[in-house]
Amino acid sequence: MAAAEAAETQLMLGVGLIEKDTNGDTLWVWCYPSTTAELRDMLLRKCCLTGENQQLHTFVYGQYRRTWFYVTTTEVPDSSVLKTVTHFSIVLTAKDFNPEKYAAFTRILCRMYLKHGSPVKMMESYIAVLTKGICQSEENGSFLSKDFDARKAYLAGSIKDVVSQFGMETVILYTALMLKKRIVVYHPRIEAIQEFTRTLPALVWHRQDWSILHSYVHLNADELEALKICTGYIAGFVDPEVSNRPDLYDVFVNLADSEITVSQPAKEAMTMGKLHKEIGQLIVQSAEDPEKSDSQVIKDISLKTREILTNLASFAEVSDDGEKPKLSFEMLKQKRFPPATENFLCHLAAAEQMLKI
């Protein structure tokens, strides 16, 4: 138990405070432990206090170079002890994806700062959660790390909502994720992007890999460079200019207009055939069943994925060097699949590292 708690609590990396003062200046005022200038600049971009006439986003999150960030922003009421501050953001960085957990904790830290006007209490609570996984305070609420299971965070999005918006086209997203392609999602509202993108990794539940999610990216050189070193990803943008950046995506989702576009270079790998139609129908049928919950829909899709992967593995040959069985393009050819199916299975074998080069 103690070991599990220790592992759980070591997920947080740091806490920081950004303030906007009565002169309209936004400054990074405090952090624990120290942070890099690069990370500070990136978090100032995310906190929604730096731009002109920017809308207040109470909670945003994302990932940058394998560090998750969670930002809660608050307007300061006149009654607060913070007399020269109009707004502030509490920033948490961590190793894990768990928006609900860190939203709950940053809300408590916000209440503490509004009441005391000093980061000391926040630091005490941060250290308590870091070492014991718990912080208790009568007036600001209690927080218990182990109340927030990672699996729950993975299942928090609604796959049924995705399917009700895109119908049969959901299979394009499924295929792109199975083949570890680059998906860019655009919507002017960050909340809409976060809700939609966090759900997509569940389409490939067998991997349970949310590290592919970059739900809040700016068209900034450092951020794009960090994104480009990832093999496949889901990246969310609020800047419409991203649609003119085909170097960033294989599949472009305009969430505001419910449109999915496959880029020219990715078309060959993403060719749809009989198998895709079958998968698409299964996804739509399952998602439209009012009796089924989101997790049951994910299970249905996952079972179909398992079936495909088991089938693929059965064609592979065990190598002499004791490595996992590999599949050659020639072996697939002998099975005489329809061209689109053969093409998909070949790219899938490559994505799953089963292809003999």
Protein backbone atom coordinates (compact mmCIF):
# COMPACT_ATOMS: atom_id res chain seq x y z
CA MET A 1 0.00 0.00 0.00
CA ALA A 2 2.71 2.47 1.04
CA ALA A 3 4.72 1.63 -2.09
CA ALA A 4 1.67 2.18 -4.28
CA GLU A 5 1.00 5.53 -2.60
CA ALA A 6 4.64 6.55 -3.00
CA ALA A 7 4.48 5.71 -6.72
CA GLU A 8 1.22 7.65 -7.00
CA THR A 9 2.54 10.75 -5.24
CA GLN A 10 5.78 10.93 -7.21
CA LEU A 11 3.83 11.86 -10.33
CA MET A 12 3.78 15.61 -9.65
CA LEU A 13 6.74 17.59 -10.94
CA GLY A 14 6.10 21.17 -9.85
CA VAL A 15 3.72 23.97 -8.98
CA GLY A 16 3.79 27.59 -10.17
CA LEU A 17 1.93 30.86 -9.90
CA ILE A 18 1.26 33.43 -12.65
CA GLU A 19 -0.35 36.78 -11.83
CA LYS A 20 -1.94 39.56 -13.86
CA ASP A 21 -1.71 42.85 -11.98
CA THR A 22 -3.84 46.00 -12.05
CA ASN A 23 -1.48 47.51 -14.69
CA GLY A 24 -2.34 44.64 -17.04
CA ASP A 25 1.12 43.01 -16.76
CA THR A 26 1.28 39.22 -16.56
CA LEU A 27 4.21 37.78 -14.62
CA TRP A 28 5.49 34.42 -13.49
CA VAL A 29 5.80 35.16 -9.75
CA TRP A 30 6.61 31.92 -7.94
CA CYS A 31 7.32 28.23 -8.45
CA TYR A 32 8.40 25.18 -6.50
CA PRO A 33 10.83 23.57 -7.20
CA SER A 34 12.60 25.59 -9.93
CA THR A 35 11.55 25.41 -13.58
CA THR A 36 13.23 26.13 -16.92
CA ALA A 37 12.79 29.39 -18.89
CA GLU A 38 11.48 27.31 -21.81
CA LEU A 39 8.75 25.71 -19.69
CA ARG A 40 7.87 29.08 -18.10
CA ASP A 41 7.41 30.72 -21.52
CA MET A 42 5.24 27.86 -22.71
CA LEU A 43 3.02 28.00 -19.59
CA LEU A 44 2.62 31.79 -19.90
CA ARG A 45 1.24 31.13 -23.42
CA LYS A 46 -1.24 28.61 -22.07
CA CYS A 47 -2.60 30.53 -19.08
CA CYS A 48 -4.88 32.91 -21.10
CA LEU A 49 -3.70 35.99 -19.15
CA THR A 50 -1.08 37.26 -21.59
CA GLY A 51 -3.09 38.20 -24.70
CA GLU A 52 -5.34 41.18 -25.28
CA ASN A 53 -9.12 40.70 -24.71
CA GLN A 54 -8.58 37.03 -24.14
CA GLN A 55 -11.44 35.02 -22.80
CA LEU A 56 -10.91 33.50 -19.37
CA HIS A 57 -10.44 29.73 -19.49
CA THR A 58 -10.88 28.36 -15.99
CA PHE A 59 -9.00 25.11 -16.68
CA VAL A 60 -6.74 23.99 -19.52
CA TYR A 61 -4.28 21.14 -19.85
CA GLY A 62 -1.86 19.66 -22.34
CA GLN A 63 1.50 18.07 -22.81
CA TYR A 64 4.91 19.40 -23.78
CA ARG A 65 7.97 17.16 -24.18
CA ARG A 66 6.46 14.40 -22.02
CA THR A 67 5.47 16.80 -19.22
CA TRP A 68 1.75 17.27 -18.60
CA PHE A 69 0.61 20.73 -17.54
CA TYR A 70 -2.63 21.70 -15.80
CA VAL A 71 -3.61 25.36 -15.45
CA THR A 72 -6.47 26.77 -13.38
CA THR A 73 -7.16 30.50 -13.77
CA THR A 74 -9.24 32.66 -11.42
CA GLU A 75 -10.49 36.22 -11.34
CA VAL A 76 -9.70 37.93 -8.05
CA PRO A 77 -12.82 39.28 -6.24
CA ASP A 78 -12.65 42.74 -4.63
CA SER A 79 -12.95 41.17 -1.18
CA SER A 80 -9.65 39.26 -1.58
CA VAL A 81 -6.43 40.14 0.25
CA LEU A 82 -4.76 40.33 -3.20
CA LYS A 83 -5.26 44.04 -3.82
CA THR A 84 -2.92 44.58 -6.80
CA VAL A 85 -3.85 41.39 -8.67
CA THR A 86 -6.83 41.05 -11.06
CA HIS A 87 -6.35 37.39 -12.11
CA PHE A 88 -3.97 34.55 -11.36
CA SER A 89 -3.22 31.05 -12.66
CA ILE A 90 -2.05 28.06 -10.66
CA VAL A 91 0.07 25.73 -12.78
CA LEU A 92 0.81 22.09 -11.96
CA THR A 93 3.21 19.95 -13.97
CA ALA A 94 3.10 16.17 -13.72
CA LYS A 95 4.11 12.90 -15.33
CA ASP A 96 0.55 11.59 -15.73
CA PHE A 97 -2.63 12.36 -17.65
CA ASN A 98 -5.41 12.99 -15.16
CA PRO A 99 -7.32 16.26 -15.75
CA GLU A 100 -9.95 15.63 -13.06
CA LYS A 101 -7.34 14.97 -10.38
CA TYR A 102 -5.31 18.09 -11.10
CA ALA A 103 -8.36 20.31 -11.66
CA ALA A 104 -9.56 19.36 -8.17
CA PHE A 105 -6.16 20.00 -6.59
CA THR A 106 -5.51 23.32 -8.37
CA ARG A 107 -8.98 24.55 -7.31
CA ILE A 108 -8.03 23.96 -3.67
CA LEU A 109 -4.72 25.79 -4.18
CA CYS A 110 -6.60 28.70 -5.79
CA ARG A 111 -8.90 29.01 -2.78
CA MET A 112 -5.87 29.00 -0.47
CA TYR A 113 -4.14 31.75 -2.41
CA LEU A 114 -7.27 33.91 -2.52
CA LYS A 115 -7.61 33.59 1.25
CA HIS A 116 -3.98 33.98 2.37
CA GLY A 117 -2.39 35.92 -0.49
CA SER A 118 0.88 34.04 -0.02
CA PRO A 119 2.26 30.92 -1.74
CA VAL A 120 3.42 29.43 1.61
CA LYS A 121 0.15 27.58 2.28
CA MET A 122 0.08 26.34 -1.31
CA MET A 123 3.58 24.96 -0.97
CA GLU A 124 2.66 23.17 2.27
CA SER A 125 -0.32 21.52 0.55
CA TYR A 126 1.75 20.63 -2.51
CA ILE A 127 4.38 18.94 -0.33
CA ALA A 128 1.66 17.12 1.66
CA VAL A 129 0.19 15.69 -1.55
CA LEU A 130 3.66 14.93 -2.91
CA THR A 131 4.68 12.97 0.20
CA LYS A 132 1.40 11.60 1.58
CA GLY A 133 -1.04 11.81 -1.35
CA ILE A 134 -3.45 13.90 0.72
CA CYS A 135 -4.11 17.47 1.83
CA GLN A 136 -6.88 18.35 4.23
CA SER A 137 -8.21 21.78 5.01
CA GLU A 138 -11.59 22.52 6.48
CA GLU A 139 -12.28 25.77 4.69
CA ASN A 140 -10.69 24.95 1.31
CA GLY A 141 -11.73 21.32 0.86
CA SER A 142 -9.77 18.07 1.03
CA PHE A 143 -7.89 16.27 -1.70
CA LEU A 144 -6.96 12.61 -1.85
CA SER A 145 -4.73 11.49 -4.74
CA LYS A 146 -5.93 7.91 -4.81
CA ASP A 147 -9.54 8.98 -5.42
CA PHE A 148 -8.49 9.70 -9.01
CA ASP A 149 -7.79 6.51 -10.92
CA ALA A 150 -5.89 6.81 -14.23
CA ARG A 151 -8.29 4.39 -15.93
CA LYS A 152 -11.20 6.65 -14.95
CA ALA A 153 -9.41 9.55 -16.67
CA TYR A 154 -9.02 7.42 -19.81
CA LEU A 155 -12.75 6.69 -19.84
CA ALA A 156 -13.97 10.22 -18.99
CA GLY A 157 -14.54 11.31 -22.61
CA SER A 158 -17.59 10.27 -24.61
CA ILE A 159 -16.95 8.02 -27.61
CA LYS A 160 -20.70 8.16 -28.33
CA ASP A 161 -20.47 11.93 -28.82
CA VAL A 162 -17.59 11.48 -31.29
CA VAL A 163 -19.61 8.94 -33.29
CA SER A 164 -22.79 11.04 -33.19
CA GLN A 165 -20.80 13.91 -34.74
CA PHE A 166 -18.82 11.95 -37.35
CA GLY A 167 -20.81 8.73 -37.94
CA MET A 168 -19.09 6.34 -40.38
CA GLU A 169 -16.19 8.79 -40.75
CA THR A 170 -15.11 7.80 -37.22
CA VAL A 171 -13.39 4.86 -38.95
CA ILE A 172 -10.95 7.37 -40.51
CA LEU A 173 -9.92 8.41 -36.99
CA TYR A 174 -9.73 4.76 -35.92
CA THR A 175 -7.53 3.88 -38.91
CA ALA A 176 -5.24 6.89 -38.36
CA LEU A 177 -4.78 5.93 -34.70
CA MET A 178 -4.20 2.25 -35.48
CA LEU A 179 -1.51 3.24 -38.00
CA LYS A 180 0.05 5.80 -35.59
CA LYS A 181 -0.63 8.71 -37.93
CA ARG A 182 -0.60 12.42 -37.05
CA ILE A 183 -4.05 13.87 -36.30
CA VAL A 184 -4.58 17.62 -35.95
CA VAL A 185 -7.86 18.89 -34.50
CA TYR A 186 -8.98 22.50 -34.93
CA HIS A 187 -11.75 24.36 -33.08
CA PRO A 188 -11.81 28.01 -31.91
CA ARG A 189 -12.84 26.90 -28.39
CA ILE A 190 -10.15 25.14 -26.34
CA GLU A 191 -12.80 23.42 -24.17
CA ALA A 192 -14.30 21.72 -27.25
CA ILE A 193 -10.86 20.52 -28.35
CA GLN A 194 -9.97 19.14 -24.92
CA GLU A 195 -13.23 17.23 -24.62
CA PHE A 196 -12.95 15.72 -28.12
CA THR A 197 -9.22 14.91 -28.27
CA ARG A 198 -9.02 13.20 -24.87
CA THR A 199 -11.55 10.62 -26.10
CA LEU A 200 -9.69 9.57 -29.27
CA PRO A 201 -6.95 7.35 -27.72
CA ALA A 202 -9.79 5.13 -26.42
CA LEU A 203 -10.41 4.05 -30.04
CA VAL A 204 -7.13 2.10 -29.73
CA TRP A 205 -7.76 0.86 -26.19
CA HIS A 206 -5.34 -2.08 -26.56
CA ARG A 207 -2.46 0.43 -26.30
CA GLN A 208 -3.90 2.49 -23.41
CA ASP A 209 -1.50 5.22 -24.48
CA TRP A 210 -2.52 8.80 -23.72
CA SER A 211 1.04 10.05 -24.28
CA ILE A 212 0.00 10.60 -27.94
CA LEU A 213 -2.35 13.37 -26.77
CA HIS A 214 -1.22 17.01 -27.11
CA SER A 215 -4.53 18.73 -26.53
CA TYR A 216 -3.36 22.37 -26.49
CA VAL A 217 -0.63 23.36 -28.95
CA HIS A 218 0.30 26.83 -30.21
CA LEU A 219 1.87 27.47 -33.61
CA ASN A 220 5.11 28.24 -31.81
CA ALA A 221 8.51 27.02 -33.06
CA ASP A 222 9.49 25.21 -29.81
CA GLU A 223 6.12 23.51 -29.46
CA LEU A 224 6.01 22.40 -33.11
CA GLU A 225 9.56 21.07 -32.91
CA ALA A 226 8.58 19.03 -29.82
CA LEU A 227 5.51 17.74 -31.66
CA LYS A 228 7.41 16.76 -34.80
CA ILE A 229 9.68 14.33 -32.93
CA CYS A 230 6.63 12.22 -31.97
CA THR A 231 5.79 9.36 -34.36
CA GLY A 232 2.03 9.67 -34.18
CA TYR A 233 -0.09 12.13 -32.22
CA ILE A 234 -3.40 13.88 -31.64
CA ALA A 235 -2.76 17.63 -31.47
CA GLY A 236 -5.34 20.33 -30.69
CA PHE A 237 -5.12 23.90 -32.01
CA VAL A 238 -7.35 26.97 -31.60
CA ASP A 239 -5.53 28.86 -34.39
CA PRO A 240 -7.29 28.45 -37.79
CA GLU A 241 -3.89 28.99 -39.45
CA VAL A 242 -3.07 25.34 -38.63
CA SER A 243 -5.20 24.25 -41.62
CA ASN A 244 -2.46 25.72 -43.85
CA ARG A 245 0.19 23.52 -42.24
CA PRO A 246 -0.03 20.16 -44.06
CA ASP A 247 3.48 19.38 -42.74
CA LEU A 248 1.85 18.85 -39.31
CA TYR A 249 -0.86 16.31 -40.11
CA ASP A 250 -1.93 13.18 -41.97
CA VAL A 251 -5.54 13.70 -40.91
CA PHE A 252 -7.07 17.13 -40.27
CA VAL A 253 -10.25 17.41 -38.20
CA ASN A 254 -12.17 20.68 -38.40
CA LEU A 255 -14.27 20.09 -35.32
CA ALA A 256 -16.25 23.32 -35.76
CA ASP A 257 -17.46 22.24 -39.23
CA SER A 258 -17.50 18.46 -38.52
CA GLU A 259 -15.12 17.80 -41.42
CA ILE A 260 -12.30 15.25 -41.66
CA THR A 261 -9.63 15.56 -44.38
CA VAL A 262 -6.88 13.07 -45.19
CA SER A 263 -3.70 14.72 -46.48
CA GLN A 264 -2.44 13.79 -49.95
CA PRO A 265 0.73 11.93 -48.77
CA ALA A 266 -1.30 9.84 -46.27
CA LYS A 267 -4.02 8.81 -48.75
CA GLU A 268 -2.28 5.60 -49.86
CA ALA A 269 -1.88 4.23 -46.30
CA MET A 270 -5.40 5.40 -45.40
CA THR A 271 -7.24 3.81 -48.37
CA MET A 272 -10.59 2.48 -47.16
CA GLY A 273 -11.95 -0.93 -48.13
CA LYS A 274 -14.37 -3.68 -47.09
CA LEU A 275 -12.68 -4.22 -43.71
CA HIS A 276 -12.93 -0.50 -42.87
CA LYS A 277 -16.61 -0.50 -43.79
CA GLU A 278 -17.14 -3.46 -41.46
CA ILE A 279 -15.30 -1.70 -38.61
CA GLY A 280 -17.17 1.57 -39.28
CA GLN A 281 -20.53 -0.18 -39.15
CA LEU A 282 -19.59 -1.93 -35.90
CA ILE A 283 -18.53 1.41 -34.32
CA VAL A 284 -21.71 3.21 -35.42
CA GLN A 285 -24.02 0.33 -34.44
CA SER A 286 -22.47 0.01 -31.00
CA ALA A 287 -22.42 3.77 -30.33
CA GLU A 288 -26.03 4.23 -31.43
CA ASP A 289 -27.30 1.53 -29.07
CA PRO A 290 -29.02 3.47 -26.25
CA GLU A 291 -28.53 0.50 -23.89
CA LYS A 292 -24.74 0.71 -24.19
CA SER A 293 -22.47 2.91 -22.09
CA ASP A 294 -19.36 4.60 -23.49
CA SER A 295 -17.12 1.99 -21.88
CA GLN A 296 -19.15 -0.83 -23.51
CA VAL A 297 -18.70 0.86 -26.90
CA ILE A 298 -14.94 1.05 -26.26
CA LYS A 299 -15.00 -2.65 -25.34
CA ASP A 300 -16.82 -3.56 -28.58
CA ILE A 301 -14.26 -1.65 -30.68
CA SER A 302 -11.41 -3.15 -28.67
CA LEU A 303 -12.68 -6.71 -29.27
CA LYS A 304 -12.75 -6.05 -33.03
CA THR A 305 -9.19 -4.64 -32.83
CA ARG A 306 -8.04 -7.74 -30.91
CA GLU A 307 -9.59 -9.94 -33.60
CA ILE A 308 -7.69 -8.05 -36.32
CA LEU A 309 -4.40 -8.20 -34.40
CA THR A 310 -4.80 -11.90 -33.53
CA ASN A 311 -5.48 -12.60 -37.18
CA LEU A 312 -2.41 -10.62 -38.19
CA ALA A 313 -0.22 -12.39 -35.62
CA SER A 314 -1.33 -15.78 -36.97
CA PHE A 315 0.35 -14.95 -40.32
CA ALA A 316 3.67 -14.14 -38.67
CA GLU A 317 6.67 -16.48 -38.55
CA VAL A 318 8.76 -17.08 -35.48
CA SER A 319 12.32 -15.93 -36.12
CA ASP A 320 15.41 -17.92 -35.14
CA ASP A 321 16.81 -15.21 -32.87
CA GLY A 322 13.97 -15.62 -30.35
CA GLU A 323 12.43 -12.23 -31.13
CA LYS A 324 8.68 -11.79 -31.46
CA PRO A 325 7.15 -13.31 -34.63
CA LYS A 326 7.51 -11.13 -37.72
CA LEU A 327 5.43 -10.80 -40.83
CA SER A 328 6.72 -10.27 -44.34
CA PHE A 329 4.92 -8.48 -47.15
CA GLU A 330 5.18 -11.69 -49.24
CA MET A 331 3.29 -13.69 -46.60
CA LEU A 332 0.48 -11.13 -46.64
CA LYS A 333 0.36 -11.23 -50.45
CA GLN A 334 -0.19 -15.01 -50.36
CA LYS A 335 -3.36 -14.53 -48.31
CA ARG A 336 -4.98 -12.78 -51.31
CA PHE A 337 -6.82 -10.11 -49.34
CA PRO A 338 -8.63 -7.33 -51.22
CA PRO A 339 -6.02 -4.58 -52.03
CA ALA A 340 -7.31 -2.07 -49.42
CA THR A 341 -7.32 -4.72 -46.66
CA GLU A 342 -3.84 -5.95 -47.59
CA ASN A 343 -2.60 -2.36 -47.62
CA PHE A 344 -4.11 -1.65 -44.17
CA LEU A 345 -2.75 -4.89 -42.64
CA CYS A 346 0.71 -4.17 -44.02
CA HIS A 347 0.77 -0.65 -42.53
CA LEU A 348 -0.72 -1.99 -39.28
CA ALA A 349 2.01 -4.65 -39.01
CA ALA A 350 4.57 -1.86 -39.42
CA ALA A 351 2.85 0.27 -36.73
CA GLU A 352 2.75 -2.71 -34.34
CA GLN A 353 6.42 -3.48 -35.13
CA MET A 354 5.51 -6.87 -36.60
CA LEU A 355 6.79 -6.24 -40.12
CA LYS A 356 9.93 -7.96 -41.31
CA ILE A 357 12.05 -5.34 -43.06
